[in-house]
């Protein structure tokens, strides 16, 4: 596994455009994962708030 990673890095050193594409893709995927996590947290907060409101209405 380490040898394959080393080979990939050495191959990308000779191809700066491919390296830039890999870096941009990794940044995009990281940003997308962060955005999904934030959306999931916002939905959880909304659900908790709606449950609290509903419990007050049922009294």
C-alpha atoms as a PDB file:
ATOM      1  CA  UNK A   1       0.000   0.000   0.000  1.00  0.00           C
ATOM      2  CA  UNK A   2       2.789   2.428   0.892  1.00  0.00           C
ATOM      3  CA  UNK A   3       4.673   1.526  -2.255  1.00  0.00           C
ATOM      4  CA  UNK A   4       1.594   2.207  -4.375  1.00  0.00           C
ATOM      5  CA  UNK A   5       1.094   5.574  -2.685  1.00  0.00           C
ATOM      6  CA  UNK A   6       4.748   6.449  -3.252  1.00  0.00           C
ATOM      7  CA  UNK A   7       4.476   5.459  -6.896  1.00  0.00           C
ATOM      8  CA  UNK A   8       1.355   7.591  -7.308  1.00  0.00           C
ATOM      9  CA  UNK A   9       3.055  10.610  -5.738  1.00  0.00           C
ATOM     10  CA  UNK A  10       6.124  10.238  -7.918  1.00  0.00           C
ATOM     11  CA  UNK A  11       3.949   9.893 -11.017  1.00  0.00           C
ATOM     12  CA  UNK A  12       1.997  13.039 -10.101  1.00  0.00           C
ATOM     13  CA  UNK A  13       5.217  15.022  -9.632  1.00  0.00           C
ATOM     14  CA  UNK A  14       5.828  14.689 -13.354  1.00  0.00           C
ATOM     15  CA  UNK A  15       2.273  15.796 -14.160  1.00  0.00           C
ATOM     16  CA  UNK A  16       1.527  19.111 -12.411  1.00  0.00           C
ATOM     17  CA  UNK A  17      -1.838  19.469 -14.130  1.00  0.00           C
ATOM     18  CA  UNK A  18      -2.967  16.065 -12.882  1.00  0.00           C
ATOM     19  CA  UNK A  19      -1.716  16.927  -9.394  1.00  0.00           C
ATOM     20  CA  UNK A  20      -3.689  20.165  -9.449  1.00  0.00           C
ATOM     21  CA  UNK A  21      -6.793  18.264 -10.544  1.00  0.00           C
ATOM     22  CA  UNK A  22      -6.401  15.764  -7.710  1.00  0.00           C
ATOM     23  CA  UNK A  23      -5.944  18.556  -5.158  1.00  0.00           C
ATOM     24  CA  UNK A  24      -8.968  20.482  -6.430  1.00  0.00           C
ATOM     25  CA  UNK A  25     -11.095  17.327  -6.339  1.00  0.00           C
ATOM     26  CA  UNK A  26     -10.014  16.574  -2.766  1.00  0.00           C
ATOM     27  CA  UNK A  27     -10.838  20.122  -1.705  1.00  0.00           C
ATOM     28  CA  UNK A  28     -14.232  19.895  -3.392  1.00  0.00           C
ATOM     29  CA  UNK A  29     -15.054  16.588  -1.706  1.00  0.00           C
ATOM     30  CA  UNK A  30     -13.932  17.900   1.675  1.00  0.00           C
ATOM     31  CA  UNK A  31     -16.077  20.995   1.285  1.00  0.00           C
ATOM     32  CA  UNK A  32     -19.069  18.916   0.225  1.00  0.00           C
ATOM     33  CA  UNK A  33     -18.663  16.604   3.235  1.00  0.00           C
ATOM     34  CA  UNK A  34     -18.481  19.636   5.551  1.00  0.00           C
ATOM     35  CA  UNK A  35     -21.606  21.099   3.971  1.00  0.00           C
ATOM     36  CA  UNK A  36     -23.511  17.826   4.405  1.00  0.00           C
ATOM     37  CA  UNK A  37     -22.478  17.654   8.066  1.00  0.00           C
ATOM     38  CA  UNK A  38     -23.707  21.198   8.663  1.00  0.00           C
ATOM     39  CA  UNK A  39     -27.017  20.450   6.941  1.00  0.00           C
ATOM     40  CA  UNK A  40     -27.496  17.312   9.041  1.00  0.00           C
ATOM     41  CA  UNK A  41     -26.840  19.276  12.236  1.00  0.00           C
ATOM     42  CA  UNK A  42     -29.298  21.986  11.187  1.00  0.00           C
ATOM     43  CA  UNK A  43     -31.977  19.373  10.470  1.00  0.00           C
ATOM     44  CA  UNK A  44     -31.374  17.760  13.865  1.00  0.00           C
ATOM     45  CA  UNK A  45     -31.735  21.144  15.593  1.00  0.00           C
ATOM     46  CA  UNK A  46     -34.931  21.856  13.651  1.00  0.00           C
ATOM     47  CA  UNK A  47     -36.395  18.461  14.542  1.00  0.00           C
ATOM     48  CA  UNK A  48     -35.596  18.974  18.230  1.00  0.00           C
ATOM     49  CA  UNK A  49     -37.210  22.407  18.173  1.00  0.00           C
ATOM     50  CA  UNK A  50     -40.331  21.102  16.428  1.00  0.00           C
ATOM     51  CA  UNK A  51     -40.612  18.256  18.951  1.00  0.00           C
ATOM     52  CA  UNK A  52     -40.354  20.762  21.808  1.00  0.00           C
ATOM     53  CA  UNK A  53     -43.031  22.963  20.231  1.00  0.00           C
ATOM     54  CA  UNK A  54     -45.281  19.951  19.650  1.00  0.00           C
ATOM     55  CA  UNK A  55     -44.885  18.822  23.259  1.00  0.00           C
ATOM     56  CA  UNK A  56     -46.056  22.263  24.443  1.00  0.00           C
ATOM     57  CA  UNK A  57     -49.080  22.095  22.138  1.00  0.00           C
ATOM     58  CA  UNK A  58     -50.115  18.676  23.490  1.00  0.00           C
ATOM     59  CA  UNK A  59     -50.361  19.911  27.098  1.00  0.00           C
END
